[in-house]
Amino acid sequence: MAELRATLSAEEWFLWRAFDEMSPLSDWRGDVQAAQIASAVYQSQGAKVSIADCLPQWQAQPAKEDAAGSGEADATAALYAFLLAKAEAASQAPQ
């Protein structure tokens, strides 16, 4: 913990807080655990399914990107800008 306190900037801390508000880790972990149980139940009845087959699809599948992968860079930049705006708003909010 001491190393984290010494090396983590306030900006990065606010970015992590904003990210956690958007999508907490426990949501994804819960989906994976439920998919594991569901696939085990299906497999016990003879179905040939994998855990990936049982994961909920919360978003439409992304369109195929070009070979350069510019869509990923754009998405990363957009996420950073969003998180930075949330962090700034959180730092200006009255405590």
PDB file of N, CA and C in Angstrom:
ATOM      1  N   MET A   1       0.812  -1.182   0.000  1.00  0.00           N
ATOM      2  CA  MET A   1       0.000   0.000   0.000  1.00  0.00           C
ATOM      3  C   MET A   1       0.861   1.254   0.000  1.00  0.00           C
ATOM      4  N   ALA A   2       1.964   1.221   0.712  1.00  0.00           N
ATOM      5  CA  ALA A   2       2.826   2.401   0.795  1.00  0.00           C
ATOM      6  C   ALA A   2       3.377   2.761  -0.578  1.00  0.00           C
ATOM      7  N   GLU A   3       3.771   1.750  -1.355  1.00  0.00           N
ATOM      8  CA  GLU A   3       4.292   2.013  -2.698  1.00  0.00           C
ATOM      9  C   GLU A   3       3.208   2.639  -3.572  1.00  0.00           C
ATOM     10  N   LEU A   4       1.996   2.122  -3.466  1.00  0.00           N
ATOM     11  CA  LEU A   4       0.891   2.664  -4.244  1.00  0.00           C
ATOM     12  C   LEU A   4       0.627   4.119  -3.880  1.00  0.00           C
ATOM     13  N   ARG A   5       0.613   4.421  -2.612  1.00  0.00           N
ATOM     14  CA  ARG A   5       0.399   5.805  -2.175  1.00  0.00           C
ATOM     15  C   ARG A   5       1.505   6.727  -2.662  1.00  0.00           C
ATOM     16  N   ALA A   6       2.722   6.202  -2.720  1.00  0.00           N
ATOM     17  CA  ALA A   6       3.858   7.029  -3.128  1.00  0.00           C
ATOM     18  C   ALA A   6       3.904   7.254  -4.634  1.00  0.00           C
ATOM     19  N   THR A   7       3.394   6.312  -5.419  1.00  0.00           N
ATOM     20  CA  THR A   7       3.559   6.401  -6.871  1.00  0.00           C
ATOM     21  C   THR A   7       2.294   6.801  -7.618  1.00  0.00           C
ATOM     22  N   LEU A   8       1.131   6.725  -7.020  1.00  0.00           N
ATOM     23  CA  LEU A   8      -0.129   7.010  -7.709  1.00  0.00           C
ATOM     24  C   LEU A   8      -0.444   8.501  -7.621  1.00  0.00           C
ATOM     25  N   SER A   9      -0.561   9.133  -8.777  1.00  0.00           N
ATOM     26  CA  SER A   9      -0.873  10.568  -8.782  1.00  0.00           C
ATOM     27  C   SER A   9      -2.367  10.770  -8.517  1.00  0.00           C
ATOM     28  N   ALA A  10      -2.731  11.989  -8.147  1.00  0.00           N
ATOM     29  CA  ALA A  10      -4.141  12.307  -7.902  1.00  0.00           C
ATOM     30  C   ALA A  10      -4.949  12.150  -9.181  1.00  0.00           C
ATOM     31  N   GLU A  11      -4.367  12.550 -10.317  1.00  0.00           N
ATOM     32  CA  GLU A  11      -5.072  12.424 -11.594  1.00  0.00           C
ATOM     33  C   GLU A  11      -5.384  10.961 -11.894  1.00  0.00           C
ATOM     34  N   GLU A  12      -4.380  10.089 -11.711  1.00  0.00           N
ATOM     35  CA  GLU A  12      -4.599   8.673 -11.977  1.00  0.00           C
ATOM     36  C   GLU A  12      -5.624   8.093 -11.013  1.00  0.00           C
ATOM     37  N   TRP A  13      -5.600   8.524  -9.767  1.00  0.00           N
ATOM     38  CA  TRP A  13      -6.574   8.057  -8.778  1.00  0.00           C
ATOM     39  C   TRP A  13      -7.991   8.411  -9.220  1.00  0.00           C
ATOM     40  N   PHE A  14      -8.211   9.661  -9.674  1.00  0.00           N
ATOM     41  CA  PHE A  14      -9.537  10.063 -10.132  1.00  0.00           C
ATOM     42  C   PHE A  14      -9.955   9.306 -11.387  1.00  0.00           C
ATOM     43  N   LEU A  15      -8.995   9.013 -12.272  1.00  0.00           N
ATOM     44  CA  LEU A  15      -9.310   8.224 -13.457  1.00  0.00           C
ATOM     45  C   LEU A  15      -9.760   6.819 -13.074  1.00  0.00           C
ATOM     46  N   TRP A  16      -9.064   6.202 -12.112  1.00  0.00           N
ATOM     47  CA  TRP A  16      -9.460   4.863 -11.676  1.00  0.00           C
ATOM     48  C   TRP A  16     -10.829   4.883 -10.993  1.00  0.00           C
ATOM     49  N   ARG A  17     -11.108   5.930 -10.209  1.00  0.00           N
ATOM     50  CA  ARG A  17     -12.423   6.039  -9.564  1.00  0.00           C
ATOM     51  C   ARG A  17     -13.535   6.169 -10.599  1.00  0.00           C
ATOM     52  N   ALA A  18     -13.301   6.992 -11.625  1.00  0.00           N
ATOM     53  CA  ALA A  18     -14.299   7.162 -12.680  1.00  0.00           C
ATOM     54  C   ALA A  18     -14.485   5.859 -13.453  1.00  0.00           C
ATOM     55  N   PHE A  19     -13.402   5.163 -13.727  1.00  0.00           N
ATOM     56  CA  PHE A  19     -13.502   3.886 -14.433  1.00  0.00           C
ATOM     57  C   PHE A  19     -14.297   2.880 -13.613  1.00  0.00           C
ATOM     58  N   ASP A  20     -14.053   2.825 -12.313  1.00  0.00           N
ATOM     59  CA  ASP A  20     -14.764   1.890 -11.459  1.00  0.00           C
ATOM     60  C   ASP A  20     -16.258   2.205 -11.401  1.00  0.00           C
ATOM     61  N   GLU A  21     -16.610   3.480 -11.456  1.00  0.00           N
ATOM     62  CA  GLU A  21     -18.024   3.850 -11.480  1.00  0.00           C
ATOM     63  C   GLU A  21     -18.694   3.392 -12.769  1.00  0.00           C
ATOM     64  N   MET A  22     -17.944   3.463 -13.879  1.00  0.00           N
ATOM     65  CA  MET A  22     -18.495   3.046 -15.172  1.00  0.00           C
ATOM     66  C   MET A  22     -18.694   1.544 -15.235  1.00  0.00           C
ATOM     67  N   SER A  23     -17.716   0.791 -14.811  1.00  0.00           N
ATOM     68  CA  SER A  23     -17.759  -0.657 -14.964  1.00  0.00           C
ATOM     69  C   SER A  23     -16.955  -1.323 -13.861  1.00  0.00           C
ATOM     70  N   PRO A  24     -17.584  -1.592 -12.738  1.00  0.00           N
ATOM     71  CA  PRO A  24     -16.859  -2.269 -11.659  1.00  0.00           C
ATOM     72  C   PRO A  24     -16.430  -3.679 -12.064  1.00  0.00           C
ATOM     73  N   LEU A  25     -15.313  -4.105 -11.548  1.00  0.00           N
ATOM     74  CA  LEU A  25     -14.768  -5.421 -11.868  1.00  0.00           C
ATOM     75  C   LEU A  25     -15.738  -6.531 -11.502  1.00  0.00           C
ATOM     76  N   SER A  26     -16.469  -6.370 -10.432  1.00  0.00           N
ATOM     77  CA  SER A  26     -17.337  -7.442  -9.967  1.00  0.00           C
ATOM     78  C   SER A  26     -18.435  -7.780 -10.963  1.00  0.00           C
ATOM     79  N   ASP A  27     -18.879  -6.819 -11.794  1.00  0.00           N
ATOM     80  CA  ASP A  27     -19.899  -7.117 -12.792  1.00  0.00           C
ATOM     81  C   ASP A  27     -19.407  -8.171 -13.763  1.00  0.00           C
ATOM     82  N   TRP A  28     -18.211  -7.987 -14.300  1.00  0.00           N
ATOM     83  CA  TRP A  28     -17.664  -8.942 -15.264  1.00  0.00           C
ATOM     84  C   TRP A  28     -17.407 -10.292 -14.606  1.00  0.00           C
ATOM     85  N   ARG A  29     -16.850 -10.268 -13.410  1.00  0.00           N
ATOM     86  CA  ARG A  29     -16.553 -11.514 -12.714  1.00  0.00           C
ATOM     87  C   ARG A  29     -17.829 -12.307 -12.460  1.00  0.00           C
ATOM     88  N   GLY A  30     -18.896 -11.628 -12.082  1.00  0.00           N
ATOM     89  CA  GLY A  30     -20.170 -12.303 -11.845  1.00  0.00           C
ATOM     90  C   GLY A  30     -20.730 -12.933 -13.109  1.00  0.00           C
ATOM     91  N   ASP A  31     -20.586 -12.241 -14.240  1.00  0.00           N
ATOM     92  CA  ASP A  31     -21.042 -12.805 -15.511  1.00  0.00           C
ATOM     93  C   ASP A  31     -20.285 -14.076 -15.857  1.00  0.00           C
ATOM     94  N   VAL A  32     -18.975 -14.060 -15.634  1.00  0.00           N
ATOM     95  CA  VAL A  32     -18.154 -15.232 -15.948  1.00  0.00           C
ATOM     96  C   VAL A  32     -18.524 -16.400 -15.032  1.00  0.00           C
ATOM     97  N   GLN A  33     -18.723 -16.130 -13.751  1.00  0.00           N
ATOM     98  CA  GLN A  33     -19.089 -17.198 -12.826  1.00  0.00           C
ATOM     99  C   GLN A  33     -20.455 -17.796 -13.179  1.00  0.00           C
ATOM    100  N   ALA A  34     -21.415 -16.948 -13.526  1.00  0.00           N
ATOM    101  CA  ALA A  34     -22.734 -17.446 -13.914  1.00  0.00           C
ATOM    102  C   ALA A  34     -22.645 -18.264 -15.208  1.00  0.00           C
ATOM    103  N   ALA A  35     -21.826 -17.811 -16.153  1.00  0.00           N
ATOM    104  CA  ALA A  35     -21.653 -18.549 -17.406  1.00  0.00           C
ATOM    105  C   ALA A  35     -21.004 -19.905 -17.158  1.00  0.00           C
ATOM    106  N   GLN A  36     -20.082 -19.973 -16.209  1.00  0.00           N
ATOM    107  CA  GLN A  36     -19.428 -21.238 -15.879  1.00  0.00           C
ATOM    108  C   GLN A  36     -20.433 -22.229 -15.312  1.00  0.00           C
ATOM    109  N   ILE A  37     -21.294 -21.753 -14.439  1.00  0.00           N
ATOM    110  CA  ILE A  37     -22.315 -22.632 -13.860  1.00  0.00           C
ATOM    111  C   ILE A  37     -23.314 -23.069 -14.925  1.00  0.00           C
ATOM    112  N   ALA A  38     -23.756 -22.121 -15.749  1.00  0.00           N
ATOM    113  CA  ALA A  38     -24.728 -22.452 -16.797  1.00  0.00           C
ATOM    114  C   ALA A  38     -24.145 -23.467 -17.777  1.00  0.00           C
ATOM    115  N   SER A  39     -22.888 -23.284 -18.163  1.00  0.00           N
ATOM    116  CA  SER A  39     -22.292 -24.237 -19.105  1.00  0.00           C
ATOM    117  C   SER A  39     -22.151 -25.619 -18.474  1.00  0.00           C
ATOM    118  N   ALA A  40     -21.853 -25.680 -17.182  1.00  0.00           N
ATOM    119  CA  ALA A  40     -21.759 -26.977 -16.508  1.00  0.00           C
ATOM    120  C   ALA A  40     -23.119 -27.676 -16.489  1.00  0.00           C
ATOM    121  N   VAL A  41     -24.191 -26.919 -16.260  1.00  0.00           N
ATOM    122  CA  VAL A  41     -25.534 -27.499 -16.268  1.00  0.00           C
ATOM    123  C   VAL A  41     -25.879 -28.020 -17.654  1.00  0.00           C
ATOM    124  N   TYR A  42     -25.623 -27.202 -18.683  1.00  0.00           N
ATOM    125  CA  TYR A  42     -25.905 -27.641 -20.057  1.00  0.00           C
ATOM    126  C   TYR A  42     -25.093 -28.876 -20.417  1.00  0.00           C
ATOM    127  N   GLN A  43     -23.804 -28.883 -20.043  1.00  0.00           N
ATOM    128  CA  GLN A  43     -22.937 -30.009 -20.370  1.00  0.00           C
ATOM    129  C   GLN A  43     -23.367 -31.278 -19.638  1.00  0.00           C
ATOM    130  N   SER A  44     -23.915 -31.124 -18.442  1.00  0.00           N
ATOM    131  CA  SER A  44     -24.375 -32.307 -17.711  1.00  0.00           C
ATOM    132  C   SER A  44     -25.571 -32.964 -18.395  1.00  0.00           C
ATOM    133  N   GLN A  45     -26.267 -32.195 -19.222  1.00  0.00           N
ATOM    134  CA  GLN A  45     -27.408 -32.726 -19.960  1.00  0.00           C
ATOM    135  C   GLN A  45     -27.046 -33.109 -21.389  1.00  0.00           C
ATOM    136  N   GLY A  46     -25.741 -33.064 -21.716  1.00  0.00           N
ATOM    137  CA  GLY A  46     -25.260 -33.516 -23.010  1.00  0.00           C
ATOM    138  C   GLY A  46     -25.044 -32.431 -24.042  1.00  0.00           C
ATOM    139  N   ALA A  47     -25.319 -31.205 -23.716  1.00  0.00           N
ATOM    140  CA  ALA A  47     -25.101 -30.123 -24.684  1.00  0.00           C
ATOM    141  C   ALA A  47     -23.609 -29.831 -24.814  1.00  0.00           C
ATOM    142  N   LYS A  48     -23.201 -29.445 -25.992  1.00  0.00           N
ATOM    143  CA  LYS A  48     -21.807 -29.109 -26.233  1.00  0.00           C
ATOM    144  C   LYS A  48     -21.692 -27.586 -26.310  1.00  0.00           C
ATOM    145  N   VAL A  49     -21.531 -26.967 -25.145  1.00  0.00           N
ATOM    146  CA  VAL A  49     -21.406 -25.516 -25.064  1.00  0.00           C
ATOM    147  C   VAL A  49     -20.158 -25.177 -24.256  1.00  0.00           C
ATOM    148  N   SER A  50     -19.641 -24.008 -24.506  1.00  0.00           N
ATOM    149  CA  SER A  50     -18.493 -23.526 -23.738  1.00  0.00           C
ATOM    150  C   SER A  50     -18.950 -22.384 -22.836  1.00  0.00           C
ATOM    151  N   ILE A  51     -18.065 -21.954 -21.968  1.00  0.00           N
ATOM    152  CA  ILE A  51     -18.380 -20.826 -21.094  1.00  0.00           C
ATOM    153  C   ILE A  51     -18.649 -19.585 -21.936  1.00  0.00           C
ATOM    154  N   ALA A  52     -17.880 -19.399 -23.002  1.00  0.00           N
ATOM    155  CA  ALA A  52     -18.065 -18.231 -23.873  1.00  0.00           C
ATOM    156  C   ALA A  52     -19.457 -18.217 -24.502  1.00  0.00           C
ATOM    157  N   ASP A  53     -20.004 -19.405 -24.779  1.00  0.00           N
ATOM    158  CA  ASP A  53     -21.350 -19.480 -25.352  1.00  0.00           C
ATOM    159  C   ASP A  53     -22.412 -18.986 -24.372  1.00  0.00           C
ATOM    160  N   CYS A  54     -22.137 -19.068 -23.084  1.00  0.00           N
ATOM    161  CA  CYS A  54     -23.113 -18.711 -22.053  1.00  0.00           C
ATOM    162  C   CYS A  54     -22.949 -17.289 -21.524  1.00  0.00           C
ATOM    163  N   LEU A  55     -21.903 -16.594 -21.957  1.00  0.00           N
ATOM    164  CA  LEU A  55     -21.719 -15.216 -21.498  1.00  0.00           C
ATOM    165  C   LEU A  55     -22.776 -14.313 -22.122  1.00  0.00           C
ATOM    166  N   PRO A  56     -23.365 -13.416 -21.344  1.00  0.00           N
ATOM    167  CA  PRO A  56     -24.344 -12.493 -21.928  1.00  0.00           C
ATOM    168  C   PRO A  56     -23.671 -11.514 -22.889  1.00  0.00           C
ATOM    169  N   GLN A  57     -24.347 -11.197 -23.969  1.00  0.00           N
ATOM    170  CA  GLN A  57     -23.844 -10.235 -24.945  1.00  0.00           C
ATOM    171  C   GLN A  57     -24.505  -8.895 -24.657  1.00  0.00           C
ATOM    172  N   TRP A  58     -23.814  -8.014 -23.936  1.00  0.00           N
ATOM    173  CA  TRP A  58     -24.376  -6.735 -23.541  1.00  0.00           C
ATOM    174  C   TRP A  58     -24.301  -5.712 -24.654  1.00  0.00           C
ATOM    175  N   GLN A  59     -23.435  -5.906 -25.607  1.00  0.00           N
ATOM    176  CA  GLN A  59     -23.283  -4.966 -26.717  1.00  0.00           C
ATOM    177  C   GLN A  59     -23.298  -5.741 -28.017  1.00  0.00           C
ATOM    178  N   ALA A  60     -23.642  -5.052 -29.083  1.00  0.00           N
ATOM    179  CA  ALA A  60     -23.572  -5.674 -30.400  1.00  0.00           C
ATOM    180  C   ALA A  60     -22.112  -5.955 -30.729  1.00  0.00           C
ATOM    181  N   GLN A  61     -21.886  -6.970 -31.530  1.00  0.00           N
ATOM    182  CA  GLN A  61     -20.520  -7.302 -31.919  1.00  0.00           C
ATOM    183  C   GLN A  61     -19.932  -6.146 -32.717  1.00  0.00           C
ATOM    184  N   PRO A  62     -18.688  -5.753 -32.422  1.00  0.00           N
ATOM    185  CA  PRO A  62     -18.071  -4.639 -33.158  1.00  0.00           C
ATOM    186  C   PRO A  62     -17.861  -4.994 -34.620  1.00  0.00           C
ATOM    187  N   ALA A  63     -17.961  -3.991 -35.475  1.00  0.00           N
ATOM    188  CA  ALA A  63     -17.726  -4.200 -36.895  1.00  0.00           C
ATOM    189  C   ALA A  63     -16.255  -4.525 -37.123  1.00  0.00           C
ATOM    190  N   LYS A  64     -15.981  -5.205 -38.206  1.00  0.00           N
ATOM    191  CA  LYS A  64     -14.597  -5.534 -38.553  1.00  0.00           C
ATOM    192  C   LYS A  64     -13.813  -4.249 -38.779  1.00  0.00           C
ATOM    193  N   GLU A  65     -12.628  -4.179 -38.192  1.00  0.00           N
ATOM    194  CA  GLU A  65     -11.793  -2.992 -38.331  1.00  0.00           C
ATOM    195  C   GLU A  65     -10.780  -3.196 -39.441  1.00  0.00           C
ATOM    196  N   ASP A  66     -10.248  -2.091 -39.906  1.00  0.00           N
ATOM    197  CA  ASP A  66      -9.210  -2.178 -40.914  1.00  0.00           C
ATOM    198  C   ASP A  66      -7.931  -2.733 -40.296  1.00  0.00           C
ATOM    199  N   ALA A  67      -6.983  -3.066 -41.133  1.00  0.00           N
ATOM    200  CA  ALA A  67      -5.747  -3.693 -40.661  1.00  0.00           C
ATOM    201  C   ALA A  67      -4.941  -2.777 -39.755  1.00  0.00           C
ATOM    202  N   ALA A  68      -5.086  -1.484 -39.908  1.00  0.00           N
ATOM    203  CA  ALA A  68      -4.304  -0.549 -39.099  1.00  0.00           C
ATOM    204  C   ALA A  68      -4.769  -0.516 -37.655  1.00  0.00           C
ATOM    205  N   GLY A  69      -6.017  -0.891 -37.369  1.00  0.00           N
ATOM    206  CA  GLY A  69      -6.528  -0.897 -36.004  1.00  0.00           C
ATOM    207  C   GLY A  69      -6.800   0.487 -35.460  1.00  0.00           C
ATOM    208  N   SER A  70      -7.127   1.438 -36.330  1.00  0.00           N
ATOM    209  CA  SER A  70      -7.339   2.813 -35.878  1.00  0.00           C
ATOM    210  C   SER A  70      -8.570   2.923 -34.990  1.00  0.00           C
ATOM    211  N   GLY A  71      -9.525   2.023 -35.131  1.00  0.00           N
ATOM    212  CA  GLY A  71     -10.716   2.052 -34.292  1.00  0.00           C
ATOM    213  C   GLY A  71     -10.373   1.862 -32.826  1.00  0.00           C
ATOM    214  N   GLU A  72      -9.409   1.012 -32.535  1.00  0.00           N
ATOM    215  CA  GLU A  72      -9.000   0.788 -31.149  1.00  0.00           C
ATOM    216  C   GLU A  72      -8.323   2.024 -30.569  1.00  0.00           C
ATOM    217  N   ALA A  73      -7.503   2.679 -31.360  1.00  0.00           N
ATOM    218  CA  ALA A  73      -6.836   3.889 -30.893  1.00  0.00           C
ATOM    219  C   ALA A  73      -7.860   4.988 -30.630  1.00  0.00           C
ATOM    220  N   ASP A  74      -8.855   5.119 -31.513  1.00  0.00           N
ATOM    221  CA  ASP A  74      -9.904   6.121 -31.317  1.00  0.00           C
ATOM    222  C   ASP A  74     -10.702   5.826 -30.053  1.00  0.00           C
ATOM    223  N   ALA A  75     -11.012   4.545 -29.824  1.00  0.00           N
ATOM    224  CA  ALA A  75     -11.777   4.160 -28.638  1.00  0.00           C
ATOM    225  C   ALA A  75     -10.977   4.440 -27.370  1.00  0.00           C
ATOM    226  N   THR A  76      -9.694   4.168 -27.398  1.00  0.00           N
ATOM    227  CA  THR A  76      -8.850   4.430 -26.239  1.00  0.00           C
ATOM    228  C   THR A  76      -8.781   5.922 -25.941  1.00  0.00           C
ATOM    229  N   ALA A  77      -8.637   6.719 -26.975  1.00  0.00           N
ATOM    230  CA  ALA A  77      -8.593   8.177 -26.785  1.00  0.00           C
ATOM    231  C   ALA A  77      -9.925   8.694 -26.248  1.00  0.00           C
ATOM    232  N   ALA A  78     -11.025   8.163 -26.752  1.00  0.00           N
ATOM    233  CA  ALA A  78     -12.343   8.590 -26.284  1.00  0.00           C
ATOM    234  C   ALA A  78     -12.548   8.197 -24.821  1.00  0.00           C
ATOM    235  N   LEU A  79     -12.127   6.984 -24.447  1.00  0.00           N
ATOM    236  CA  LEU A  79     -12.257   6.546 -23.066  1.00  0.00           C
ATOM    237  C   LEU A  79     -11.422   7.428 -22.138  1.00  0.00           C
ATOM    238  N   TYR A  80     -10.203   7.737 -22.543  1.00  0.00           N
ATOM    239  CA  TYR A  80      -9.342   8.588 -21.720  1.00  0.00           C
ATOM    240  C   TYR A  80      -9.968   9.971 -21.540  1.00  0.00           C
ATOM    241  N   ALA A  81     -10.496  10.543 -22.617  1.00  0.00           N
ATOM    242  CA  ALA A  81     -11.118  11.865 -22.531  1.00  0.00           C
ATOM    243  C   ALA A  81     -12.332  11.826 -21.606  1.00  0.00           C
ATOM    244  N   PHE A  82     -13.129  10.767 -21.713  1.00  0.00           N
ATOM    245  CA  PHE A  82     -14.305  10.637 -20.854  1.00  0.00           C
ATOM    246  C   PHE A  82     -13.896  10.514 -19.387  1.00  0.00           C
ATOM    247  N   LEU A  83     -12.937   9.653 -19.103  1.00  0.00           N
ATOM    248  CA  LEU A  83     -12.499   9.450 -17.725  1.00  0.00           C
ATOM    249  C   LEU A  83     -11.872  10.713 -17.151  1.00  0.00           C
ATOM    250  N   LEU A  84     -11.132  11.436 -17.973  1.00  0.00           N
ATOM    251  CA  LEU A  84     -10.522  12.673 -17.517  1.00  0.00           C
ATOM    252  C   LEU A  84     -11.599  13.702 -17.169  1.00  0.00           C
ATOM    253  N   ALA A  85     -12.643  13.792 -17.987  1.00  0.00           N
ATOM    254  CA  ALA A  85     -13.745  14.720 -17.705  1.00  0.00           C
ATOM    255  C   ALA A  85     -14.460  14.337 -16.415  1.00  0.00           C
ATOM    256  N   LYS A  86     -14.692  13.030 -16.201  1.00  0.00           N
ATOM    257  CA  LYS A  86     -15.330  12.573 -14.972  1.00  0.00           C
ATOM    258  C   LYS A  86     -14.456  12.876 -13.761  1.00  0.00           C
ATOM    259  N   ALA A  87     -13.150  12.690 -13.900  1.00  0.00           N
ATOM    260  CA  ALA A  87     -12.241  12.945 -12.785  1.00  0.00           C
ATOM    261  C   ALA A  87     -12.227  14.432 -12.437  1.00  0.00           C
ATOM    262  N   GLU A  88     -12.232  15.271 -13.454  1.00  0.00           N
ATOM    263  CA  GLU A  88     -12.244  16.717 -13.200  1.00  0.00           C
ATOM    264  C   GLU A  88     -13.544  17.138 -12.529  1.00  0.00           C
ATOM    265  N   ALA A  89     -14.667  16.559 -12.987  1.00  0.00           N
ATOM    266  CA  ALA A  89     -15.955  16.882 -12.384  1.00  0.00           C
ATOM    267  C   ALA A  89     -15.993  16.413 -10.931  1.00  0.00           C
ATOM    268  N   ALA A  90     -15.423  15.243 -10.661  1.00  0.00           N
ATOM    269  CA  ALA A  90     -15.417  14.711  -9.297  1.00  0.00           C
ATOM    270  C   ALA A  90     -14.521  15.546  -8.381  1.00  0.00           C
ATOM    271  N   SER A  91     -13.434  16.057  -8.934  1.00  0.00           N
ATOM    272  CA  SER A  91     -12.524  16.853  -8.100  1.00  0.00           C
ATOM    273  C   SER A  91     -13.093  18.234  -7.802  1.00  0.00           C
ATOM    274  N   GLN A  92     -14.015  18.717  -8.612  1.00  0.00           N
ATOM    275  CA  GLN A  92     -14.621  20.028  -8.398  1.00  0.00           C
ATOM    276  C   GLN A  92     -15.906  19.949  -7.600  1.00  0.00           C
ATOM    277  N   ALA A  93     -16.430  18.756  -7.397  1.00  0.00           N
ATOM    278  CA  ALA A  93     -17.675  18.593  -6.656  1.00  0.00           C
ATOM    279  C   ALA A  93     -17.434  18.875  -5.164  1.00  0.00           C
ATOM    280  N   PRO A  94     -18.394  19.504  -4.501  1.00  0.00           N
ATOM    281  CA  PRO A  94     -18.216  19.745  -3.068  1.00  0.00           C
ATOM    282  C   PRO A  94     -18.214  18.435  -2.301  1.00  0.00           C
ATOM    283  N   GLN A  95     -17.383  18.373  -1.301  1.00  0.00           N
ATOM    284  CA  GLN A  95     -17.245  17.136  -0.519  1.00  0.00           C
ATOM    285  C   GLN A  95     -18.280  17.041   0.521  1.00  0.00           C
TER     286      GLN A  95
END
